[in-house]
C-alpha atoms as a PDB file:
ATOM      1  CA  MET A   1       7.760  30.956 -23.412  1.00  0.00           C
ATOM      2  CA  PRO A   2       4.364  30.800 -21.805  1.00  0.00           C
ATOM      3  CA  GLU A   3       4.188  31.443 -18.116  1.00  0.00           C
ATOM      4  CA  ARG A   4       4.314  28.356 -15.877  1.00  0.00           C
ATOM      5  CA  PRO A   5       1.334  27.619 -13.623  1.00  0.00           C
ATOM      6  CA  GLN A   6       1.810  28.275  -9.945  1.00  0.00           C
ATOM      7  CA  ALA A   7       2.277  25.164  -7.816  1.00  0.00           C
ATOM      8  CA  LEU A   8       2.787  24.610  -4.056  1.00  0.00           C
ATOM      9  CA  PHE A   9       4.085  21.683  -2.060  1.00  0.00           C
ATOM     10  CA  ALA A  10       1.675  20.680   0.908  1.00  0.00           C
ATOM     11  CA  MET A  11       3.375  18.063   3.016  1.00  0.00           C
ATOM     12  CA  THR A  12       5.924  17.385   5.658  1.00  0.00           C
ATOM     13  CA  ALA A  13       8.905  19.557   4.556  1.00  0.00           C
ATOM     14  CA  GLU A  14      11.497  16.881   5.244  1.00  0.00           C
ATOM     15  CA  ASN A  15       9.770  14.617   2.695  1.00  0.00           C
ATOM     16  CA  VAL A  16      10.188  16.988  -0.233  1.00  0.00           C
ATOM     17  CA  PRO A  17      13.830  16.257  -1.115  1.00  0.00           C
ATOM     18  CA  LEU A  18      13.181  12.552  -0.456  1.00  0.00           C
ATOM     19  CA  VAL A  19      10.265  12.192  -2.939  1.00  0.00           C
ATOM     20  CA  PHE A  20      11.687  15.046  -5.335  1.00  0.00           C
ATOM     21  CA  PRO A  21      15.430  14.545  -5.411  1.00  0.00           C
ATOM     22  CA  PRO A  22      17.262  17.058  -7.544  1.00  0.00           C
ATOM     23  CA  GLU A  23      16.833  15.446 -10.975  1.00  0.00           C
ATOM     24  CA  VAL A  24      13.051  14.969 -10.326  1.00  0.00           C
ATOM     25  CA  LEU A  25      12.598  18.417  -8.858  1.00  0.00           C
ATOM     26  CA  ALA A  26      14.218  19.924 -11.928  1.00  0.00           C
ATOM     27  CA  ARG A  27      11.769  18.213 -14.122  1.00  0.00           C
ATOM     28  CA  LEU A  28       8.883  19.382 -12.018  1.00  0.00           C
ATOM     29  CA  ARG A  29      10.111  23.015 -11.955  1.00  0.00           C
ATOM     30  CA  ALA A  30      10.364  23.043 -15.785  1.00  0.00           C
ATOM     31  CA  LEU A  31       6.695  22.444 -15.824  1.00  0.00           C
ATOM     32  CA  VAL A  32       5.447  24.679 -13.022  1.00  0.00           C
ATOM     33  CA  ASP A  33       6.525  27.623 -10.731  1.00  0.00           C
ATOM     34  CA  ILE A  34       7.195  25.842  -7.537  1.00  0.00           C
ATOM     35  CA  ASP A  35       9.506  26.846  -4.722  1.00  0.00           C
ATOM     36  CA  PRO A  36      10.933  23.898  -2.593  1.00  0.00           C
ATOM     37  CA  ALA A  37      11.813  26.383   0.098  1.00  0.00           C
ATOM     38  CA  ILE A  38       8.099  27.118   0.535  1.00  0.00           C
ATOM     39  CA  VAL A  39       6.327  23.965   1.871  1.00  0.00           C
ATOM     40  CA  ALA A  40       2.862  24.263   3.356  1.00  0.00           C
ATOM     41  CA  GLU A  41       2.709  22.019   6.493  1.00  0.00           C
ATOM     42  CA  ASP A  42      -0.114  24.289   7.567  1.00  0.00           C
ATOM     43  CA  LEU A  43      -2.154  25.890   4.692  1.00  0.00           C
ATOM     44  CA  THR A  44      -3.633  28.407   7.165  1.00  0.00           C
ATOM     45  CA  ASP A  45      -0.250  29.884   7.788  1.00  0.00           C
ATOM     46  CA  PRO A  46      -0.158  33.532   6.612  1.00  0.00           C
ATOM     47  CA  ARG A  47       3.299  32.978   5.311  1.00  0.00           C
ATOM     48  CA  VAL A  48       1.970  30.831   2.462  1.00  0.00           C
ATOM     49  CA  ALA A  49      -1.319  32.727   1.858  1.00  0.00           C
ATOM     50  CA  GLY A  50       0.092  34.729  -1.004  1.00  0.00           C
ATOM     51  CA  VAL A  51       1.334  31.683  -2.918  1.00  0.00           C
ATOM     52  CA  LEU A  52      -1.766  29.559  -2.083  1.00  0.00           C
ATOM     53  CA  ALA A  53      -4.083  32.298  -3.554  1.00  0.00           C
ATOM     54  CA  ARG A  54      -2.289  31.872  -6.811  1.00  0.00           C
ATOM     55  CA  THR A  55      -1.791  28.126  -6.811  1.00  0.00           C
ATOM     56  CA  GLU A  56      -3.209  26.165  -9.550  1.00  0.00           C
ATOM     57  CA  ILE A  57      -1.616  22.880  -8.772  1.00  0.00           C
ATOM     58  CA  LEU A  58      -1.223  21.597  -5.240  1.00  0.00           C
ATOM     59  CA  VAL A  59       1.539  18.931  -4.859  1.00  0.00           C
ATOM     60  CA  THR A  60       0.572  16.941  -1.694  1.00  0.00           C
ATOM     61  CA  GLY A  61       2.299  14.170   0.152  1.00  0.00           C
ATOM     62  CA  TRP A  62       2.607  12.581   3.557  1.00  0.00           C
ATOM     63  CA  GLY A  63       1.675  15.053   6.225  1.00  0.00           C
ATOM     64  CA  CYS A  64      -0.574  17.049   3.907  1.00  0.00           C
ATOM     65  CA  PRO A  65      -3.002  19.219   5.979  1.00  0.00           C
ATOM     66  CA  ARG A  66      -6.769  18.781   5.553  1.00  0.00           C
ATOM     67  CA  LEU A  67      -8.169  20.429   2.344  1.00  0.00           C
ATOM     68  CA  ASP A  68     -11.436  21.707   3.730  1.00  0.00           C
ATOM     69  CA  ALA A  69     -13.806  24.472   2.418  1.00  0.00           C
ATOM     70  CA  ALA A  70     -11.856  27.239   4.257  1.00  0.00           C
ATOM     71  CA  VAL A  71      -8.502  26.080   2.653  1.00  0.00           C
ATOM     72  CA  LEU A  72     -10.036  25.722  -0.832  1.00  0.00           C
ATOM     73  CA  ASP A  73     -11.635  29.295  -0.577  1.00  0.00           C
ATOM     74  CA  ALA A  74      -8.113  30.558   0.077  1.00  0.00           C
ATOM     75  CA  ALA A  75      -6.984  28.834  -3.216  1.00  0.00           C
ATOM     76  CA  PRO A  76      -9.554  30.165  -5.804  1.00  0.00           C
ATOM     77  CA  GLU A  77      -7.273  29.211  -8.773  1.00  0.00           C
ATOM     78  CA  LEU A  78      -6.751  25.658  -7.730  1.00  0.00           C
ATOM     79  CA  ARG A  79      -7.526  23.027 -10.441  1.00  0.00           C
ATOM     80  CA  ALA A  80      -5.527  20.024  -9.497  1.00  0.00           C
ATOM     81  CA  VAL A  81      -4.357  18.170  -6.358  1.00  0.00           C
ATOM     82  CA  LEU A  82      -1.573  15.747  -7.197  1.00  0.00           C
ATOM     83  CA  HIS A  83      -0.590  13.333  -4.380  1.00  0.00           C
ATOM     84  CA  SER A  84       2.862  12.046  -4.283  1.00  0.00           C
ATOM     85  CA  ALA A  85       1.784   8.992  -1.990  1.00  0.00           C
ATOM     86  CA  GLY A  86      -0.995   6.513  -1.819  1.00  0.00           C
ATOM     87  CA  SER A  87      -4.310   7.244  -0.135  1.00  0.00           C
ATOM     88  CA  VAL A  88      -5.793  10.753   0.031  1.00  0.00           C
ATOM     89  CA  LYS A  89      -8.310   9.846   2.690  1.00  0.00           C
ATOM     90  CA  GLY A  90      -6.281  11.508   5.430  1.00  0.00           C
ATOM     91  CA  PHE A  91      -6.623  15.006   3.957  1.00  0.00           C
ATOM     92  CA  ALA A  92      -9.057  15.060   1.066  1.00  0.00           C
ATOM     93  CA  THR A  93     -12.640  16.299   1.817  1.00  0.00           C
ATOM     94  CA  PRO A  94     -15.761  15.906  -0.587  1.00  0.00           C
ATOM     95  CA  GLU A  95     -15.522  19.660  -1.204  1.00  0.00           C
ATOM     96  CA  ILE A  96     -12.602  19.104  -3.489  1.00  0.00           C
ATOM     97  CA  TRP A  97     -14.694  17.035  -5.914  1.00  0.00           C
ATOM     98  CA  ARG A  98     -17.713  19.306  -5.449  1.00  0.00           C
ATOM     99  CA  ARG A  99     -15.675  22.147  -6.863  1.00  0.00           C
ATOM    100  CA  GLY A 100     -14.442  20.203  -9.805  1.00  0.00           C
ATOM    101  CA  ILE A 101     -10.843  20.145  -8.804  1.00  0.00           C
ATOM    102  CA  ALA A 102      -9.060  17.088 -10.222  1.00  0.00           C
ATOM    103  CA  VAL A 103      -7.300  14.819  -7.781  1.00  0.00           C
ATOM    104  CA  SER A 104      -4.644  12.260  -8.640  1.00  0.00           C
ATOM    105  CA  SER A 105      -2.759   9.829  -6.505  1.00  0.00           C
ATOM    106  CA  ALA A 106       0.598   8.033  -6.882  1.00  0.00           C
ATOM    107  CA  ALA A 107      -0.973   4.862  -5.346  1.00  0.00           C
ATOM    108  CA  GLU A 108      -0.249   2.914  -8.562  1.00  0.00           C
ATOM    109  CA  ALA A 109       3.482   3.816  -8.316  1.00  0.00           C
ATOM    110  CA  ASN A 110       3.554   3.014  -4.507  1.00  0.00           C
ATOM    111  CA  ALA A 111       1.844  -0.393  -5.174  1.00  0.00           C
ATOM    112  CA  LEU A 112       4.789  -1.815  -6.961  1.00  0.00           C
ATOM    113  CA  PRO A 113       7.182  -2.043  -4.042  1.00  0.00           C
ATOM    114  CA  VAL A 114       4.460  -3.540  -1.885  1.00  0.00           C
ATOM    115  CA  ALA A 115       3.652  -6.102  -4.437  1.00  0.00           C
ATOM    116  CA  GLU A 116       7.503  -6.859  -4.877  1.00  0.00           C
ATOM    117  CA  TYR A 117       7.850  -7.376  -1.042  1.00  0.00           C
ATOM    118  CA  THR A 118       4.732  -9.700  -1.031  1.00  0.00           C
ATOM    119  CA  LEU A 119       6.108 -11.754  -3.988  1.00  0.00           C
ATOM    120  CA  ALA A 120       9.464 -12.099  -2.168  1.00  0.00           C
ATOM    121  CA  MET A 121       7.734 -13.217   1.001  1.00  0.00           C
ATOM    122  CA  ILE A 122       5.473 -15.764  -0.678  1.00  0.00           C
ATOM    123  CA  LEU A 123       8.370 -17.446  -2.363  1.00  0.00           C
ATOM    124  CA  LEU A 124      10.313 -17.392   0.892  1.00  0.00           C
ATOM    125  CA  ALA A 125       7.331 -18.726   2.763  1.00  0.00           C
ATOM    126  CA  GLY A 126       6.890 -21.491   0.243  1.00  0.00           C
ATOM    127  CA  LYS A 127      10.392 -22.736   1.086  1.00  0.00           C
ATOM    128  CA  ASP A 128       9.721 -22.178   4.790  1.00  0.00           C
ATOM    129  CA  VAL A 129      12.911 -19.989   4.818  1.00  0.00           C
ATOM    130  CA  LEU A 130      11.849 -17.668   7.652  1.00  0.00           C
ATOM    131  CA  VAL A 131      10.787 -20.244  10.203  1.00  0.00           C
ATOM    132  CA  ARG A 132      13.607 -22.587   9.477  1.00  0.00           C
ATOM    133  CA  ARG A 133      16.080 -19.723   9.864  1.00  0.00           C
ATOM    134  CA  GLU A 134      14.710 -19.092  13.290  1.00  0.00           C
ATOM    135  CA  ARG A 135      15.123 -22.775  14.130  1.00  0.00           C
ATOM    136  CA  LEU A 136      18.636 -22.798  13.031  1.00  0.00           C
ATOM    137  CA  ARG A 137      19.554 -19.731  15.107  1.00  0.00           C
ATOM    138  CA  ALA A 138      17.947 -21.354  18.174  1.00  0.00           C
ATOM    139  CA  GLU A 139      19.364 -24.823  17.746  1.00  0.00           C
ATOM    140  CA  ARG A 140      22.821 -23.630  16.299  1.00  0.00           C
ATOM    141  CA  ALA A 141      23.086 -26.908  14.379  1.00  0.00           C
ATOM    142  CA  SER A 142      22.332 -27.584  10.804  1.00  0.00           C
ATOM    143  CA  PRO A 143      20.789 -30.964   9.791  1.00  0.00           C
ATOM    144  CA  GLY A 144      22.958 -30.740   6.577  1.00  0.00           C
ATOM    145  CA  TRP A 145      21.676 -31.619   3.158  1.00  0.00           C
ATOM    146  CA  GLY A 146      18.402 -33.374   2.992  1.00  0.00           C
ATOM    147  CA  ILE A 147      14.893 -33.381   1.484  1.00  0.00           C
ATOM    148  CA  VAL A 148      12.114 -31.536   3.220  1.00  0.00           C
ATOM    149  CA  PRO A 149       8.912 -33.012   1.876  1.00  0.00           C
ATOM    150  CA  GLU A 150       6.432 -30.347   2.957  1.00  0.00           C
ATOM    151  CA  ILE A 151       8.151 -27.334   1.381  1.00  0.00           C
ATOM    152  CA  GLY A 152       8.609 -25.996  -2.022  1.00  0.00           C
ATOM    153  CA  ASN A 153       6.810 -23.618  -4.495  1.00  0.00           C
ATOM    154  CA  HIS A 154       5.779 -26.174  -7.163  1.00  0.00           C
ATOM    155  CA  GLY A 155       2.003 -25.983  -7.361  1.00  0.00           C
ATOM    156  CA  ARG A 156       1.741 -24.197  -3.995  1.00  0.00           C
ATOM    157  CA  ARG A 157      -1.737 -22.790  -3.493  1.00  0.00           C
ATOM    158  CA  VAL A 158      -1.739 -18.943  -2.868  1.00  0.00           C
ATOM    159  CA  GLY A 159      -4.877 -16.985  -1.891  1.00  0.00           C
ATOM    160  CA  VAL A 160      -5.140 -13.353  -2.560  1.00  0.00           C
ATOM    161  CA  ILE A 161      -7.679 -11.377  -0.476  1.00  0.00           C
ATOM    162  CA  GLY A 162      -8.711  -8.217  -2.406  1.00  0.00           C
ATOM    163  CA  ALA A 163      -8.206  -7.226  -5.992  1.00  0.00           C
ATOM    164  CA  SER A 164      -6.845  -3.846  -5.043  1.00  0.00           C
ATOM    165  CA  ARG A 165      -4.092  -2.116  -7.019  1.00  0.00           C
ATOM    166  CA  ILE A 166      -1.590  -4.084  -4.918  1.00  0.00           C
ATOM    167  CA  GLY A 167      -3.658  -7.303  -5.057  1.00  0.00           C
ATOM    168  CA  ARG A 168      -3.752  -7.024  -8.816  1.00  0.00           C
ATOM    169  CA  LYS A 169      -0.020  -6.364  -9.063  1.00  0.00           C
ATOM    170  CA  VAL A 170       0.695  -9.332  -6.720  1.00  0.00           C
ATOM    171  CA  ILE A 171      -1.259 -11.551  -9.135  1.00  0.00           C
ATOM    172  CA  GLU A 172       0.587 -10.147 -12.049  1.00  0.00           C
ATOM    173  CA  LEU A 173       3.993 -10.826 -10.451  1.00  0.00           C
ATOM    174  CA  LEU A 174       3.063 -14.313  -9.462  1.00  0.00           C
ATOM    175  CA  ARG A 175       2.121 -15.241 -13.047  1.00  0.00           C
ATOM    176  CA  PRO A 176       5.594 -16.500 -14.104  1.00  0.00           C
ATOM    177  CA  PHE A 177       5.791 -18.951 -11.115  1.00  0.00           C
ATOM    178  CA  ASP A 178       4.316 -22.360 -10.873  1.00  0.00           C
ATOM    179  CA  LEU A 179       1.764 -21.415  -8.358  1.00  0.00           C
ATOM    180  CA  GLU A 180      -2.024 -21.977  -8.108  1.00  0.00           C
ATOM    181  CA  VAL A 181      -3.560 -18.539  -7.417  1.00  0.00           C
ATOM    182  CA  SER A 182      -6.980 -17.915  -6.082  1.00  0.00           C
ATOM    183  CA  LEU A 183      -8.821 -14.639  -5.354  1.00  0.00           C
ATOM    184  CA  THR A 184     -11.598 -13.504  -3.129  1.00  0.00           C
ATOM    185  CA  ASP A 185     -13.190 -10.029  -3.654  1.00  0.00           C
ATOM    186  CA  PRO A 186     -16.886  -9.107  -3.415  1.00  0.00           C
ATOM    187  CA  TYR A 187     -16.521  -6.688  -6.301  1.00  0.00           C
ATOM    188  CA  VAL A 188     -14.968  -9.133  -8.704  1.00  0.00           C
ATOM    189  CA  ASP A 189     -17.080 -11.637 -10.823  1.00  0.00           C
ATOM    190  CA  GLU A 190     -16.114 -14.823 -12.561  1.00  0.00           C
ATOM    191  CA  SER A 191     -15.390 -12.981 -15.806  1.00  0.00           C
ATOM    192  CA  ALA A 192     -13.079 -10.462 -14.233  1.00  0.00           C
ATOM    193  CA  ALA A 193     -11.337 -13.289 -12.357  1.00  0.00           C
ATOM    194  CA  LEU A 194     -10.956 -15.156 -15.688  1.00  0.00           C
ATOM    195  CA  LYS A 195      -9.188 -12.058 -17.176  1.00  0.00           C
ATOM    196  CA  LEU A 196      -6.749 -11.840 -14.170  1.00  0.00           C
ATOM    197  CA  GLY A 197      -6.045 -15.642 -14.614  1.00  0.00           C
ATOM    198  CA  VAL A 198      -7.090 -16.551 -11.130  1.00  0.00           C
ATOM    199  CA  ARG A 199      -9.745 -18.792  -9.643  1.00  0.00           C
ATOM    200  CA  LEU A 200     -12.535 -16.854  -7.855  1.00  0.00           C
ATOM    201  CA  GLN A 201     -13.512 -18.276  -4.392  1.00  0.00           C
ATOM    202  CA  GLY A 202     -15.475 -17.165  -1.255  1.00  0.00           C
ATOM    203  CA  LEU A 203     -13.338 -16.062   1.685  1.00  0.00           C
ATOM    204  CA  ASP A 204     -13.952 -19.272   3.659  1.00  0.00           C
ATOM    205  CA  ASP A 205     -13.173 -21.592   0.670  1.00  0.00           C
ATOM    206  CA  LEU A 206      -9.982 -19.646  -0.037  1.00  0.00           C
ATOM    207  CA  LEU A 207      -8.789 -19.798   3.464  1.00  0.00           C
ATOM    208  CA  ARG A 208      -9.547 -23.609   3.620  1.00  0.00           C
ATOM    209  CA  THR A 209      -7.653 -24.436   0.483  1.00  0.00           C
ATOM    210  CA  SER A 210      -4.669 -21.936   0.415  1.00  0.00           C
ATOM    211  CA  GLN A 211      -1.296 -22.754   1.922  1.00  0.00           C
ATOM    212  CA  ILE A 212      -0.323 -19.074   1.683  1.00  0.00           C
ATOM    213  CA  VAL A 213      -2.827 -16.281   2.130  1.00  0.00           C
ATOM    214  CA  THR A 214      -2.017 -12.631   1.315  1.00  0.00           C
ATOM    215  CA  VAL A 215      -4.119  -9.706   2.366  1.00  0.00           C
ATOM    216  CA  HIS A 216      -4.787  -6.812   0.191  1.00  0.00           C
ATOM    217  CA  ALA A 217      -8.211  -5.520   1.155  1.00  0.00           C
ATOM    218  CA  PRO A 218      -8.894  -1.893   2.012  1.00  0.00           C
ATOM    219  CA  GLU A 219      -9.265  -0.687   5.624  1.00  0.00           C
ATOM    220  CA  THR A 220     -13.053   0.029   6.125  1.00  0.00           C
ATOM    221  CA  PRO A 221     -15.482  -0.547   9.076  1.00  0.00           C
ATOM    222  CA  GLU A 222     -16.604  -3.801   7.157  1.00  0.00           C
ATOM    223  CA  THR A 223     -13.028  -5.207   6.905  1.00  0.00           C
ATOM    224  CA  ARG A 224     -12.053  -4.753  10.435  1.00  0.00           C
ATOM    225  CA  HIS A 225     -10.876  -8.090  11.762  1.00  0.00           C
ATOM    226  CA  LEU A 226     -11.737  -9.604   8.478  1.00  0.00           C
ATOM    227  CA  ILE A 227      -9.347 -12.319   9.637  1.00  0.00           C
ATOM    228  CA  GLY A 228     -10.318 -13.399  13.129  1.00  0.00           C
ATOM    229  CA  ARG A 229     -10.350 -16.572  15.219  1.00  0.00           C
ATOM    230  CA  ARG A 230     -12.927 -18.274  13.089  1.00  0.00           C
ATOM    231  CA  GLU A 231     -11.069 -17.510   9.734  1.00  0.00           C
ATOM    232  CA  LEU A 232      -7.789 -18.420  11.172  1.00  0.00           C
ATOM    233  CA  ALA A 233      -9.139 -21.810  12.310  1.00  0.00           C
ATOM    234  CA  LEU A 234     -10.284 -22.522   8.618  1.00  0.00           C
ATOM    235  CA  MET A 235      -6.557 -22.392   7.433  1.00  0.00           C
ATOM    236  CA  PRO A 236      -4.840 -25.537   6.959  1.00  0.00           C
ATOM    237  CA  ASP A 237      -1.916 -26.703   9.143  1.00  0.00           C
ATOM    238  CA  ARG A 238       1.507 -25.131   8.215  1.00  0.00           C
ATOM    239  CA  ALA A 239      -0.350 -22.382   6.234  1.00  0.00           C
ATOM    240  CA  VAL A 240       1.194 -18.775   6.204  1.00  0.00           C
ATOM    241  CA  LEU A 241      -0.686 -15.532   6.559  1.00  0.00           C
ATOM    242  CA  VAL A 242       0.884 -12.506   4.835  1.00  0.00           C
ATOM    243  CA  ASN A 243      -0.341  -9.008   5.676  1.00  0.00           C
ATOM    244  CA  THR A 244       0.924  -5.853   3.913  1.00  0.00           C
ATOM    245  CA  ALA A 245      -2.502  -4.003   3.903  1.00  0.00           C
ATOM    246  CA  ARG A 246      -3.588  -2.690   7.224  1.00  0.00           C
ATOM    247  CA  GLY A 247      -3.077  -4.264  10.615  1.00  0.00           C
ATOM    248  CA  SER A 248      -6.697  -3.798  11.653  1.00  0.00           C
ATOM    249  CA  LEU A 249      -7.695  -6.425   9.022  1.00  0.00           C
ATOM    250  CA  VAL A 250      -6.295  -9.124  11.296  1.00  0.00           C
ATOM    251  CA  ASP A 251      -7.474  -9.742  14.811  1.00  0.00           C
ATOM    252  CA  THR A 252      -4.062  -9.634  16.592  1.00  0.00           C
ATOM    253  CA  ASP A 253      -5.193 -11.455  19.746  1.00  0.00           C
ATOM    254  CA  ALA A 254      -6.735 -14.293  17.698  1.00  0.00           C
ATOM    255  CA  LEU A 255      -3.525 -14.470  15.463  1.00  0.00           C
ATOM    256  CA  VAL A 256      -1.193 -14.568  18.554  1.00  0.00           C
ATOM    257  CA  GLY A 257      -3.313 -17.392  20.026  1.00  0.00           C
ATOM    258  CA  GLU A 258      -3.129 -19.456  16.748  1.00  0.00           C
ATOM    259  CA  LEU A 259       0.615 -18.774  16.344  1.00  0.00           C
ATOM    260  CA  ARG A 260       1.359 -19.874  19.928  1.00  0.00           C
ATOM    261  CA  THR A 261      -0.018 -23.425  18.964  1.00  0.00           C
ATOM    262  CA  GLY A 262       2.634 -23.548  16.169  1.00  0.00           C
ATOM    263  CA  ARG A 263      -0.021 -24.564  13.631  1.00  0.00           C
ATOM    264  CA  LEU A 264       0.223 -21.484  11.389  1.00  0.00           C
ATOM    265  CA  SER A 265       3.056 -18.863  10.536  1.00  0.00           C
ATOM    266  CA  ALA A 266       2.523 -15.193   9.812  1.00  0.00           C
ATOM    267  CA  ILE A 267       4.502 -12.549   7.929  1.00  0.00           C
ATOM    268  CA  LEU A 268       3.319  -8.991   8.963  1.00  0.00           C
ATOM    269  CA  ASP A 269       4.523  -5.705   7.650  1.00  0.00           C
ATOM    270  CA  VAL A 270       1.527  -4.007   9.224  1.00  0.00           C
ATOM    271  CA  THR A 271       0.172  -4.546  12.834  1.00  0.00           C
ATOM    272  CA  ASP A 272      -2.599  -3.584  15.093  1.00  0.00           C
ATOM    273  CA  PRO A 273      -1.652  -1.512  17.052  1.00  0.00           C
ATOM    274  CA  GLU A 274       1.138   0.074  15.144  1.00  0.00           C
ATOM    275  CA  PRO A 275       3.908   0.145  16.159  1.00  0.00           C
ATOM    276  CA  LEU A 276       3.625  -2.911  18.356  1.00  0.00           C
ATOM    277  CA  PRO A 277       4.157  -2.554  22.165  1.00  0.00           C
ATOM    278  CA  ALA A 278       7.612  -3.655  23.236  1.00  0.00           C
ATOM    279  CA  ASP A 279       6.019  -6.589  25.031  1.00  0.00           C
ATOM    280  CA  SER A 280       3.979  -7.922  22.183  1.00  0.00           C
ATOM    281  CA  PRO A 281       4.408 -11.649  21.820  1.00  0.00           C
ATOM    282  CA  LEU A 282       4.715 -11.168  18.172  1.00  0.00           C
ATOM    283  CA  HIS A 283       8.345  -9.982  18.751  1.00  0.00           C
ATOM    284  CA  ASP A 284       9.317 -13.299  20.062  1.00  0.00           C
ATOM    285  CA  LEU A 285       7.170 -15.961  18.401  1.00  0.00           C
ATOM    286  CA  PRO A 286       9.535 -17.812  16.079  1.00  0.00           C
ATOM    287  CA  ASN A 287       6.642 -18.283  13.468  1.00  0.00           C
ATOM    288  CA  ALA A 288       5.967 -14.533  13.371  1.00  0.00           C
ATOM    289  CA  PHE A 289       8.096 -12.474  10.978  1.00  0.00           C
ATOM    290  CA  VAL A 290       7.353  -8.895  11.573  1.00  0.00           C
ATOM    291  CA  THR A 291       8.839  -5.952   9.745  1.00  0.00           C
ATOM    292  CA  PRO A 292       8.322  -2.247  10.487  1.00  0.00           C
ATOM    293  CA  HIS A 293       5.834  -1.151   7.663  1.00  0.00           C
ATOM    294  CA  LEU A 294       8.597  -0.991   5.041  1.00  0.00           C
ATOM    295  CA  ALA A 295       6.854  -2.652   2.149  1.00  0.00           C
ATOM    296  CA  GLY A 296       5.800   0.586   0.588  1.00  0.00           C
ATOM    297  CA  SER A 297       8.113   2.976  -1.072  1.00  0.00           C
ATOM    298  CA  GLN A 298      11.428   3.403   0.836  1.00  0.00           C
ATOM    299  CA  GLY A 299      14.831   4.972   0.019  1.00  0.00           C
ATOM    300  CA  ASN A 300      15.431   5.193  -3.695  1.00  0.00           C
ATOM    301  CA  GLU A 301      11.875   4.041  -4.399  1.00  0.00           C
ATOM    302  CA  LEU A 302      10.461   7.366  -3.151  1.00  0.00           C
ATOM    303  CA  ALA A 303      11.730   9.085  -6.348  1.00  0.00           C
ATOM    304  CA  ARG A 304       9.149   6.914  -8.390  1.00  0.00           C
ATOM    305  CA  LEU A 305       6.391   8.690  -6.497  1.00  0.00           C
ATOM    306  CA  GLY A 306       7.872  12.070  -7.470  1.00  0.00           C
ATOM    307  CA  LEU A 307       8.157  10.947 -11.039  1.00  0.00           C
ATOM    308  CA  ALA A 308       4.499   9.856 -10.969  1.00  0.00           C
ATOM    309  CA  VAL A 309       3.532  13.473 -10.067  1.00  0.00           C
ATOM    310  CA  VAL A 310       5.780  14.878 -12.739  1.00  0.00           C
ATOM    311  CA  ALA A 311       3.998  12.790 -15.287  1.00  0.00           C
ATOM    312  CA  GLU A 312       0.580  13.841 -13.920  1.00  0.00           C
ATOM    313  CA  THR A 313       1.641  17.516 -13.881  1.00  0.00           C
ATOM    314  CA  GLU A 314       2.605  17.246 -17.601  1.00  0.00           C
ATOM    315  CA  ARG A 315      -0.968  16.009 -18.392  1.00  0.00           C
ATOM    316  CA  VAL A 316      -2.543  18.743 -16.338  1.00  0.00           C
ATOM    317  CA  VAL A 317      -0.445  21.460 -17.758  1.00  0.00           C
ATOM    318  CA  SER A 318      -1.173  20.225 -21.344  1.00  0.00           C
ATOM    319  CA  GLY A 319      -4.795  20.360 -20.616  1.00  0.00           C
ATOM    320  CA  ALA A 320      -5.439  16.592 -20.247  1.00  0.00           C
ATOM    321  CA  GLY A 321      -6.907  14.995 -17.181  1.00  0.00           C
ATOM    322  CA  PRO A 322      -4.753  12.944 -14.802  1.00  0.00           C
ATOM    323  CA  ALA A 323      -3.923   9.373 -15.740  1.00  0.00           C
ATOM    324  CA  TYR A 324      -4.551   8.228 -12.193  1.00  0.00           C
ATOM    325  CA  PRO A 325      -7.624  10.146 -10.965  1.00  0.00           C
ATOM    326  CA  VAL A 326      -9.129   9.527  -7.548  1.00  0.00           C
ATOM    327  CA  ASP A 327     -12.779   8.712  -7.903  1.00  0.00           C
ATOM    328  CA  PHE A 328     -14.616  10.064  -4.986  1.00  0.00           C
ATOM    329  CA  GLY A 329     -17.353   7.405  -5.379  1.00  0.00           C
ATOM    330  CA  ALA A 330     -14.913   4.554  -5.047  1.00  0.00           C
ATOM    331  CA  LEU A 331     -12.842   6.226  -2.264  1.00  0.00           C
ATOM    332  CA  ALA A 332     -14.657   4.391   0.603  1.00  0.00           C
ATOM    333  CA  ARG A 333     -13.701   1.113  -0.893  1.00  0.00           C
ATOM    334  CA  GLU A 334      -9.981   1.980  -1.462  1.00  0.00           C
ATOM    335  CA  ALA A 335      -7.097   1.502   1.152  1.00  0.00           C
END
């Protein structure tokens, strides 16, 4: 049997058994020589130096230390960095790509639960479930059976901001439903929008015409406060803003001001700041539904990230390139 390549975990140690439960870990260890008892939370730690010097595949995750030139010098055999989470921006440096080291991310796998959360919230928002549940709790009296004219998901107009991995998955998941879906993204043209099955609009037009707006743009200096006071004012009465991207894309003060009027509602899995201060009005506003950044992989969904790394490891060991490589040139545009 050929010798297995040396691999090393580089992440917060407590995350290893969550992302790589026994059955997933067994599949990984069948491909590479990796010890789950040796986890590099600090790649300059002398205790991992010997393993790092022989490491060909670095399995990274949340909490991975920065991979700068000094770290890479200490890992002369390294040929692949396989990330068991989404963005690599927090630890990856240009030096990795300069040295021809392959970089892969499980962002595609992590996009699915975010898209599923978004789909659920869009459908609930269309029925005004979240706000009406708050009203029922406050009034403690049900109006009983009756028709509510302004709610429902038949033909409801949904606007997607950003054709990111998650944005595209949301569009895909929305397809079976009787909704009108629009998209705004500066990197998507009419032809690409047609293939996605959506109507392409400018941001202002999308905000004016959408009853539910869901944000999936990356966090960059250009997208900070992409949705501010002016943009919120464009949204029609009773519209709903859903944000599962990054809190900084929405101006929190402007949103609070608009929500206080009761004109709009918001569903926020991410906030700015995060976590919210205890005295934030968003905790108490009945038309603000806030969850603690749980749309991404949680619980049993974490194993999907580990399985994504196993699949990429199989490809690297066989001599193929990663199926989901991270393109350094596109990194600045990604979440």
